[in-house]
Amino acid sequence: MNFDEFTGQIQHRLELPGTGETVRAIRATLMTLGQRIPAGAAEDLAASLPMEIRWYMTGAVADHGQRFDWSEFVSRVSEIEETDPSTAAYHARVIIDLVETLVAPSDFEQLRNQLPEDQHDENWGKLFEVIDAGGWGEAEEAQTGGGPQPEPEETGADDPDA
């Protein structure tokens, strides 16, 4: 997947109006994630991403391996993206879902192992909610109530109760 395909997928999934907003969301999420995980893990995770996207996790981060929880992650993403925290959290979940489809399973497992998912310890499980719900398409269907609808029952034209 190249840069245009990656940003196009994110723009479509997040229903953002333009490329600028899309790139800002991607940059905010991946830079902040790159700050949280060790440099080697960021390199491993980013290796399968388009070069321009990879840079946000690696070259744009001066200090890898910082310790902060999910709440601080969302706060940082929100500040960089210039949006409210709930929007930033949703954007991060959707972006990480696409990243998960592109990277080696072992690299993604390494990421999950580095971010405590216990509700009593940093609560990073929230970052993976879209993935854990079956991925973006499945999670979107669950949120919107989309998907196949049951056929309406046929009623008899002669039935006065129909």
N, C-alpha and C. Protein backbone atom coordinates (compact mmCIF):
# COMPACT_ATOMS: atom_id res chain seq x y z
N MET A 1 0.85 -1.17 0.00
CA MET A 1 0.00 0.00 0.00
C MET A 1 0.89 1.24 0.00
N ASN A 2 0.59 2.20 -0.87
CA ASN A 2 1.38 3.42 -0.90
C ASN A 2 0.72 4.52 -0.06
N PHE A 3 1.38 5.66 0.00
CA PHE A 3 0.91 6.79 0.82
C PHE A 3 -0.50 7.21 0.45
N ASP A 4 -0.76 7.37 -0.85
CA ASP A 4 -2.09 7.83 -1.29
C ASP A 4 -3.18 6.82 -0.93
N GLU A 5 -2.88 5.54 -1.07
CA GLU A 5 -3.86 4.51 -0.71
C GLU A 5 -4.13 4.50 0.80
N PHE A 6 -3.06 4.63 1.57
CA PHE A 6 -3.19 4.64 3.03
C PHE A 6 -4.02 5.84 3.48
N THR A 7 -3.64 7.02 3.01
CA THR A 7 -4.39 8.21 3.43
C THR A 7 -5.81 8.19 2.89
N GLY A 8 -5.99 7.65 1.70
CA GLY A 8 -7.34 7.55 1.13
C GLY A 8 -8.23 6.63 1.96
N GLN A 9 -7.66 5.50 2.40
CA GLN A 9 -8.41 4.58 3.26
C GLN A 9 -8.82 5.27 4.57
N ILE A 10 -7.88 5.97 5.18
CA ILE A 10 -8.17 6.64 6.45
C ILE A 10 -9.19 7.76 6.23
N GLN A 11 -9.01 8.54 5.18
CA GLN A 11 -9.96 9.62 4.89
C GLN A 11 -11.37 9.07 4.71
N HIS A 12 -11.48 7.96 3.99
CA HIS A 12 -12.79 7.34 3.77
C HIS A 12 -13.37 6.82 5.08
N ARG A 13 -12.57 6.09 5.84
CA ARG A 13 -13.05 5.49 7.09
C ARG A 13 -13.48 6.55 8.11
N LEU A 14 -12.71 7.64 8.18
CA LEU A 14 -13.01 8.69 9.17
C LEU A 14 -13.95 9.76 8.62
N GLU A 15 -14.25 9.66 7.32
CA GLU A 15 -15.13 10.64 6.66
C GLU A 15 -14.61 12.07 6.86
N LEU A 16 -13.32 12.24 6.65
CA LEU A 16 -12.70 13.55 6.79
C LEU A 16 -12.81 14.30 5.46
N PRO A 17 -12.92 15.62 5.51
CA PRO A 17 -13.15 16.38 4.29
C PRO A 17 -11.95 16.49 3.35
N GLY A 18 -10.73 16.40 3.88
CA GLY A 18 -9.59 16.60 3.01
C GLY A 18 -8.36 15.84 3.45
N THR A 19 -7.35 15.89 2.58
CA THR A 19 -6.10 15.20 2.87
C THR A 19 -5.37 15.80 4.05
N GLY A 20 -5.44 17.12 4.20
CA GLY A 20 -4.76 17.78 5.32
C GLY A 20 -5.23 17.26 6.67
N GLU A 21 -6.54 17.17 6.85
CA GLU A 21 -7.09 16.67 8.11
C GLU A 21 -6.72 15.20 8.31
N THR A 22 -6.71 14.46 7.22
CA THR A 22 -6.38 13.03 7.28
C THR A 22 -4.93 12.84 7.70
N VAL A 23 -4.02 13.55 7.06
CA VAL A 23 -2.60 13.41 7.40
C VAL A 23 -2.35 13.86 8.83
N ARG A 24 -3.04 14.91 9.27
CA ARG A 24 -2.87 15.39 10.64
C ARG A 24 -3.32 14.30 11.64
N ALA A 25 -4.42 13.61 11.36
CA ALA A 25 -4.89 12.53 12.24
C ALA A 25 -3.89 11.39 12.27
N ILE A 26 -3.39 11.00 11.10
CA ILE A 26 -2.41 9.91 11.03
C ILE A 26 -1.13 10.30 11.77
N ARG A 27 -0.65 11.49 11.51
CA ARG A 27 0.59 11.96 12.16
C ARG A 27 0.42 12.01 13.67
N ALA A 28 -0.69 12.54 14.15
CA ALA A 28 -0.93 12.66 15.59
C ALA A 28 -0.91 11.28 16.26
N THR A 29 -1.60 10.33 15.66
CA THR A 29 -1.69 8.99 16.24
C THR A 29 -0.34 8.29 16.21
N LEU A 30 0.30 8.27 15.07
CA LEU A 30 1.53 7.48 14.94
C LEU A 30 2.73 8.12 15.63
N MET A 31 2.80 9.44 15.64
CA MET A 31 3.88 10.10 16.40
C MET A 31 3.74 9.80 17.88
N THR A 32 2.52 9.92 18.39
CA THR A 32 2.30 9.69 19.81
C THR A 32 2.56 8.23 20.17
N LEU A 33 2.12 7.32 19.32
CA LEU A 33 2.42 5.90 19.55
C LEU A 33 3.93 5.67 19.52
N GLY A 34 4.61 6.31 18.58
CA GLY A 34 6.07 6.20 18.49
C GLY A 34 6.77 6.72 19.73
N GLN A 35 6.18 7.72 20.38
CA GLN A 35 6.75 8.24 21.63
C GLN A 35 6.59 7.24 22.76
N ARG A 36 5.52 6.46 22.72
CA ARG A 36 5.19 5.54 23.82
C ARG A 36 5.99 4.25 23.77
N ILE A 37 6.28 3.73 22.58
CA ILE A 37 6.95 2.43 22.48
C ILE A 37 8.45 2.62 22.21
N PRO A 38 9.26 1.60 22.53
CA PRO A 38 10.70 1.70 22.28
C PRO A 38 11.01 1.90 20.79
N ALA A 39 12.15 2.51 20.51
CA ALA A 39 12.54 2.82 19.13
C ALA A 39 12.55 1.58 18.24
N GLY A 40 13.09 0.48 18.73
CA GLY A 40 13.14 -0.75 17.93
C GLY A 40 11.76 -1.28 17.58
N ALA A 41 10.85 -1.19 18.53
CA ALA A 41 9.48 -1.64 18.28
C ALA A 41 8.80 -0.71 17.28
N ALA A 42 9.08 0.59 17.36
CA ALA A 42 8.51 1.53 16.40
C ALA A 42 9.03 1.23 15.00
N GLU A 43 10.31 0.94 14.90
CA GLU A 43 10.91 0.58 13.60
C GLU A 43 10.26 -0.69 13.04
N ASP A 44 10.10 -1.70 13.88
CA ASP A 44 9.49 -2.96 13.44
C ASP A 44 8.06 -2.73 12.96
N LEU A 45 7.29 -2.01 13.75
CA LEU A 45 5.88 -1.78 13.42
C LEU A 45 5.75 -0.94 12.15
N ALA A 46 6.60 0.05 12.01
CA ALA A 46 6.51 0.97 10.88
C ALA A 46 7.08 0.41 9.59
N ALA A 47 7.86 -0.65 9.67
CA ALA A 47 8.56 -1.18 8.49
C ALA A 47 7.63 -1.53 7.33
N SER A 48 6.41 -1.95 7.61
CA SER A 48 5.48 -2.36 6.55
C SER A 48 4.59 -1.21 6.07
N LEU A 49 4.76 -0.05 6.65
CA LEU A 49 3.92 1.09 6.28
C LEU A 49 4.58 1.89 5.15
N PRO A 50 3.80 2.67 4.42
CA PRO A 50 4.40 3.53 3.38
C PRO A 50 5.47 4.43 4.00
N MET A 51 6.51 4.71 3.23
CA MET A 51 7.67 5.46 3.74
C MET A 51 7.25 6.75 4.43
N GLU A 52 6.34 7.49 3.83
CA GLU A 52 5.94 8.78 4.40
C GLU A 52 5.20 8.60 5.72
N ILE A 53 4.48 7.51 5.85
CA ILE A 53 3.74 7.21 7.08
C ILE A 53 4.70 6.67 8.14
N ARG A 54 5.61 5.83 7.73
CA ARG A 54 6.62 5.24 8.62
C ARG A 54 7.37 6.32 9.38
N TRP A 55 7.67 7.41 8.71
CA TRP A 55 8.46 8.48 9.30
C TRP A 55 7.80 9.05 10.56
N TYR A 56 6.48 9.08 10.60
CA TYR A 56 5.79 9.64 11.77
C TYR A 56 6.11 8.86 13.04
N MET A 57 6.31 7.55 12.93
CA MET A 57 6.61 6.74 14.11
C MET A 57 8.09 6.70 14.44
N THR A 58 8.91 7.03 13.47
CA THR A 58 10.35 6.87 13.67
C THR A 58 11.09 8.20 13.61
N GLY A 59 11.23 8.78 12.44
CA GLY A 59 12.01 10.00 12.26
C GLY A 59 11.45 11.22 12.96
N ALA A 60 10.15 11.28 13.12
CA ALA A 60 9.52 12.46 13.74
C ALA A 60 9.54 12.39 15.26
N VAL A 61 10.00 11.27 15.82
CA VAL A 61 9.99 11.08 17.27
C VAL A 61 11.41 11.18 17.81
N ALA A 62 11.61 12.12 18.72
CA ALA A 62 12.94 12.30 19.31
C ALA A 62 13.14 11.43 20.55
N ASP A 63 12.06 11.12 21.25
CA ASP A 63 12.17 10.43 22.53
C ASP A 63 11.20 9.26 22.59
N HIS A 64 11.67 8.08 22.23
CA HIS A 64 10.85 6.86 22.26
C HIS A 64 10.80 6.29 23.68
N GLY A 65 9.86 5.39 23.91
CA GLY A 65 9.80 4.64 25.16
C GLY A 65 9.31 5.42 26.37
N GLN A 66 8.58 6.50 26.15
CA GLN A 66 8.04 7.27 27.26
C GLN A 66 6.93 6.48 27.94
N ARG A 67 6.77 6.66 29.23
CA ARG A 67 5.70 5.96 29.97
C ARG A 67 4.54 6.92 30.15
N PHE A 68 3.43 6.62 29.49
CA PHE A 68 2.18 7.34 29.74
C PHE A 68 1.02 6.41 29.43
N ASP A 69 -0.12 6.71 30.02
CA ASP A 69 -1.28 5.84 29.90
C ASP A 69 -2.16 6.24 28.72
N TRP A 70 -3.26 5.50 28.54
CA TRP A 70 -4.20 5.74 27.45
C TRP A 70 -4.73 7.17 27.49
N SER A 71 -5.07 7.65 28.65
CA SER A 71 -5.63 8.99 28.79
C SER A 71 -4.64 10.05 28.28
N GLU A 72 -3.39 9.91 28.64
CA GLU A 72 -2.36 10.84 28.17
C GLU A 72 -2.15 10.69 26.66
N PHE A 73 -2.20 9.47 26.16
CA PHE A 73 -2.09 9.23 24.73
C PHE A 73 -3.17 10.02 23.99
N VAL A 74 -4.42 9.88 24.43
CA VAL A 74 -5.54 10.57 23.79
C VAL A 74 -5.36 12.08 23.89
N SER A 75 -4.90 12.55 25.02
CA SER A 75 -4.68 13.99 25.20
C SER A 75 -3.63 14.51 24.20
N ARG A 76 -2.54 13.78 24.04
CA ARG A 76 -1.49 14.19 23.11
C ARG A 76 -1.98 14.14 21.66
N VAL A 77 -2.68 13.07 21.31
CA VAL A 77 -3.21 12.96 19.94
C VAL A 77 -4.18 14.11 19.68
N SER A 78 -5.04 14.39 20.63
CA SER A 78 -6.03 15.45 20.51
C SER A 78 -5.36 16.81 20.29
N GLU A 79 -4.31 17.06 21.03
CA GLU A 79 -3.59 18.34 20.90
C GLU A 79 -2.94 18.47 19.53
N ILE A 80 -2.26 17.43 19.07
CA ILE A 80 -1.59 17.48 17.77
C ILE A 80 -2.60 17.57 16.64
N GLU A 81 -3.67 16.78 16.76
CA GLU A 81 -4.68 16.74 15.71
C GLU A 81 -5.60 17.97 15.73
N GLU A 82 -5.58 18.68 16.86
CA GLU A 82 -6.42 19.86 17.05
C GLU A 82 -7.90 19.50 16.97
N THR A 83 -8.26 18.48 17.77
CA THR A 83 -9.65 18.04 17.85
C THR A 83 -9.95 17.66 19.30
N ASP A 84 -11.19 17.34 19.58
CA ASP A 84 -11.56 16.97 20.94
C ASP A 84 -11.09 15.54 21.25
N PRO A 85 -10.93 15.22 22.52
CA PRO A 85 -10.40 13.91 22.90
C PRO A 85 -11.21 12.72 22.39
N SER A 86 -12.53 12.78 22.40
CA SER A 86 -13.30 11.61 21.95
C SER A 86 -13.10 11.37 20.45
N THR A 87 -13.02 12.44 19.67
CA THR A 87 -12.74 12.30 18.24
C THR A 87 -11.34 11.75 18.02
N ALA A 88 -10.37 12.27 18.77
CA ALA A 88 -8.99 11.80 18.65
C ALA A 88 -8.89 10.32 18.99
N ALA A 89 -9.59 9.88 20.03
CA ALA A 89 -9.55 8.47 20.42
C ALA A 89 -10.14 7.59 19.32
N TYR A 90 -11.25 8.01 18.75
CA TYR A 90 -11.86 7.24 17.66
C TYR A 90 -10.93 7.19 16.45
N HIS A 91 -10.35 8.32 16.07
CA HIS A 91 -9.43 8.36 14.94
C HIS A 91 -8.26 7.40 15.18
N ALA A 92 -7.70 7.43 16.39
CA ALA A 92 -6.56 6.56 16.71
C ALA A 92 -6.95 5.08 16.55
N ARG A 93 -8.15 4.71 17.02
CA ARG A 93 -8.59 3.31 16.92
C ARG A 93 -8.70 2.88 15.45
N VAL A 94 -9.24 3.74 14.62
CA VAL A 94 -9.43 3.41 13.21
C VAL A 94 -8.08 3.35 12.49
N ILE A 95 -7.20 4.26 12.79
CA ILE A 95 -5.86 4.26 12.18
C ILE A 95 -5.09 3.01 12.58
N ILE A 96 -5.14 2.64 13.86
CA ILE A 96 -4.44 1.44 14.32
C ILE A 96 -5.04 0.19 13.69
N ASP A 97 -6.34 0.20 13.44
CA ASP A 97 -6.96 -0.94 12.76
C ASP A 97 -6.38 -1.13 11.36
N LEU A 98 -6.19 -0.04 10.61
CA LEU A 98 -5.60 -0.17 9.28
C LEU A 98 -4.13 -0.60 9.39
N VAL A 99 -3.40 -0.03 10.32
CA VAL A 99 -2.01 -0.43 10.53
C VAL A 99 -1.92 -1.92 10.79
N GLU A 100 -2.83 -2.44 11.60
CA GLU A 100 -2.82 -3.87 11.95
C GLU A 100 -2.95 -4.75 10.71
N THR A 101 -3.66 -4.29 9.70
CA THR A 101 -3.84 -5.10 8.48
C THR A 101 -2.59 -5.11 7.61
N LEU A 102 -1.67 -4.20 7.86
CA LEU A 102 -0.48 -4.06 7.01
C LEU A 102 0.80 -4.64 7.60
N VAL A 103 0.84 -4.78 8.91
CA VAL A 103 2.08 -5.20 9.56
C VAL A 103 2.07 -6.70 9.85
N ALA A 104 3.26 -7.23 10.07
CA ALA A 104 3.39 -8.64 10.42
C ALA A 104 2.68 -8.90 11.75
N PRO A 105 1.96 -10.02 11.85
CA PRO A 105 1.26 -10.33 13.10
C PRO A 105 2.19 -10.30 14.32
N SER A 106 3.42 -10.75 14.17
CA SER A 106 4.35 -10.76 15.30
C SER A 106 4.68 -9.34 15.76
N ASP A 107 4.81 -8.41 14.81
CA ASP A 107 5.08 -7.01 15.17
C ASP A 107 3.89 -6.38 15.87
N PHE A 108 2.69 -6.73 15.42
CA PHE A 108 1.51 -6.17 16.06
C PHE A 108 1.31 -6.77 17.45
N GLU A 109 1.60 -8.05 17.58
CA GLU A 109 1.52 -8.69 18.90
C GLU A 109 2.52 -8.06 19.86
N GLN A 110 3.70 -7.73 19.35
CA GLN A 110 4.71 -7.05 20.17
C GLN A 110 4.16 -5.72 20.67
N LEU A 111 3.46 -4.98 19.80
CA LEU A 111 2.86 -3.71 20.21
C LEU A 111 1.86 -3.95 21.34
N ARG A 112 0.98 -4.89 21.15
CA ARG A 112 -0.04 -5.16 22.18
C ARG A 112 0.61 -5.56 23.50
N ASN A 113 1.67 -6.32 23.44
CA ASN A 113 2.36 -6.75 24.66
C ASN A 113 3.03 -5.59 25.38
N GLN A 114 3.37 -4.54 24.67
CA GLN A 114 4.03 -3.39 25.28
C GLN A 114 3.05 -2.39 25.89
N LEU A 115 1.78 -2.53 25.56
CA LEU A 115 0.77 -1.59 26.04
C LEU A 115 -0.22 -2.34 26.93
N PRO A 116 -0.12 -2.17 28.24
CA PRO A 116 -1.00 -2.90 29.16
C PRO A 116 -2.47 -2.65 28.86
N GLU A 117 -3.23 -3.75 28.74
CA GLU A 117 -4.65 -3.64 28.39
C GLU A 117 -5.56 -3.82 29.59
N ASP A 118 -5.01 -4.10 30.75
CA ASP A 118 -5.80 -4.27 31.96
C ASP A 118 -6.46 -2.95 32.33
N GLN A 119 -7.73 -2.99 32.68
CA GLN A 119 -8.45 -1.76 33.03
C GLN A 119 -7.84 -1.05 34.22
N HIS A 120 -7.11 -1.79 35.04
CA HIS A 120 -6.51 -1.19 36.23
C HIS A 120 -5.08 -0.72 35.97
N ASP A 121 -4.55 -0.94 34.77
CA ASP A 121 -3.17 -0.60 34.47
C ASP A 121 -3.06 0.05 33.09
N GLU A 122 -3.31 1.32 33.04
CA GLU A 122 -3.14 2.16 31.85
C GLU A 122 -4.23 2.04 30.80
N ASN A 123 -5.00 0.95 30.77
CA ASN A 123 -6.18 0.81 29.92
C ASN A 123 -5.93 0.95 28.42
N TRP A 124 -4.83 0.43 27.92
CA TRP A 124 -4.51 0.51 26.49
C TRP A 124 -5.41 -0.36 25.64
N GLY A 125 -6.19 -1.24 26.23
CA GLY A 125 -7.11 -2.07 25.47
C GLY A 125 -8.06 -1.24 24.62
N LYS A 126 -8.33 -0.01 25.04
CA LYS A 126 -9.23 0.87 24.30
C LYS A 126 -8.69 1.19 22.90
N LEU A 127 -7.36 1.20 22.75
CA LEU A 127 -6.77 1.47 21.44
C LEU A 127 -7.13 0.39 20.43
N PHE A 128 -7.38 -0.81 20.91
CA PHE A 128 -7.60 -1.96 20.04
C PHE A 128 -9.09 -2.33 19.90
N GLU A 129 -9.99 -1.46 20.34
CA GLU A 129 -11.42 -1.80 20.34
C GLU A 129 -11.97 -2.08 18.95
N VAL A 130 -11.54 -1.34 17.94
CA VAL A 130 -12.04 -1.59 16.57
C VAL A 130 -11.53 -2.95 16.08
N ILE A 131 -10.27 -3.23 16.32
CA ILE A 131 -9.68 -4.52 15.92
C ILE A 131 -10.39 -5.66 16.64
N ASP A 132 -10.58 -5.50 17.95
CA ASP A 132 -11.20 -6.56 18.75
C ASP A 132 -12.67 -6.78 18.39
N ALA A 133 -13.29 -5.78 17.77
CA ALA A 133 -14.68 -5.91 17.33
C ALA A 133 -14.77 -6.54 15.93
N GLY A 134 -13.63 -6.94 15.39
CA GLY A 134 -13.63 -7.61 14.09
C GLY A 134 -13.09 -6.76 12.96
N GLY A 135 -12.56 -5.59 13.28
CA GLY A 135 -12.01 -4.71 12.25
C GLY A 135 -12.97 -3.62 11.86
N TRP A 136 -12.50 -2.66 11.12
CA TRP A 136 -13.26 -1.46 10.80
C TRP A 136 -14.62 -1.75 10.18
N GLY A 137 -14.69 -2.60 9.21
CA GLY A 137 -15.97 -2.88 8.56
C GLY A 137 -16.99 -3.46 9.52
N GLU A 138 -16.57 -4.42 10.33
CA GLU A 138 -17.47 -5.04 11.29
C GLU A 138 -17.86 -4.05 12.38
N ALA A 139 -16.90 -3.28 12.88
CA ALA A 139 -17.19 -2.32 13.95
C ALA A 139 -18.13 -1.23 13.45
N GLU A 140 -17.94 -0.80 12.20
CA GLU A 140 -18.81 0.23 11.64
C GLU A 140 -20.24 -0.30 11.53
N GLU A 141 -20.39 -1.53 11.09
CA GLU A 141 -21.73 -2.13 10.98
C GLU A 141 -22.40 -2.18 12.35
N ALA A 142 -21.63 -2.56 13.37
CA ALA A 142 -22.20 -2.65 14.71
C ALA A 142 -22.64 -1.28 15.21
N GLN A 143 -21.88 -0.24 14.88
CA GLN A 143 -22.21 1.10 15.34
C GLN A 143 -23.39 1.68 14.59
N THR A 144 -23.48 1.42 13.30
CA THR A 144 -24.52 2.05 12.49
C THR A 144 -25.77 1.19 12.38
N GLY A 145 -25.67 -0.06 12.81
CA GLY A 145 -26.81 -0.95 12.67
C GLY A 145 -27.02 -1.38 11.23
N GLY A 146 -25.96 -1.23 10.42
CA GLY A 146 -26.04 -1.59 9.00
C GLY A 146 -26.06 -3.09 8.82
N GLY A 147 -25.84 -3.49 7.61
CA GLY A 147 -25.81 -4.91 7.31
C GLY A 147 -27.16 -5.40 6.83
N PRO A 148 -27.24 -6.67 6.57
CA PRO A 148 -28.49 -7.22 6.05
C PRO A 148 -29.63 -7.04 7.04
N GLN A 149 -30.74 -6.63 6.54
CA GLN A 149 -31.93 -6.45 7.36
C GLN A 149 -32.90 -7.59 7.06
N PRO A 150 -33.68 -8.00 8.05
CA PRO A 150 -34.63 -9.08 7.79
C PRO A 150 -35.68 -8.64 6.79
N GLU A 151 -36.10 -9.59 5.99
CA GLU A 151 -37.16 -9.30 5.02
C GLU A 151 -38.46 -9.07 5.77
N PRO A 152 -39.25 -8.10 5.34
CA PRO A 152 -40.54 -7.89 6.00
C PRO A 152 -41.44 -9.10 5.73
N GLU A 153 -42.23 -9.42 6.72
CA GLU A 153 -43.15 -10.55 6.53
C GLU A 153 -44.21 -10.18 5.54
N GLU A 154 -44.56 -11.14 4.69
CA GLU A 154 -45.61 -10.87 3.71
C GLU A 154 -46.96 -10.88 4.41
N THR A 155 -47.79 -9.96 4.00
CA THR A 155 -49.13 -9.91 4.58
C THR A 155 -50.13 -10.21 3.48
N GLY A 156 -51.17 -10.84 3.85
CA GLY A 156 -52.20 -11.16 2.87
C GLY A 156 -53.04 -9.94 2.58
N ALA A 157 -53.28 -9.64 1.33
CA ALA A 157 -54.05 -8.47 0.95
C ALA A 157 -55.49 -8.55 1.44
N ASP A 158 -55.98 -9.77 1.63
CA ASP A 158 -57.37 -9.94 2.07
C ASP A 158 -57.49 -9.89 3.59
N ASP A 159 -56.35 -9.86 4.29
CA ASP A 159 -56.37 -9.89 5.74
C ASP A 159 -56.61 -8.49 6.28
N PRO A 160 -57.73 -8.23 6.98
CA PRO A 160 -58.01 -6.89 7.47
C PRO A 160 -57.05 -6.45 8.57
N ASP A 161 -56.35 -7.37 9.21
CA ASP A 161 -55.40 -7.00 10.28
C ASP A 161 -54.01 -6.69 9.73
N ALA A 162 -53.79 -6.81 8.43
CA ALA A 162 -52.48 -6.62 7.82
C ALA A 162 -52.13 -5.16 7.71
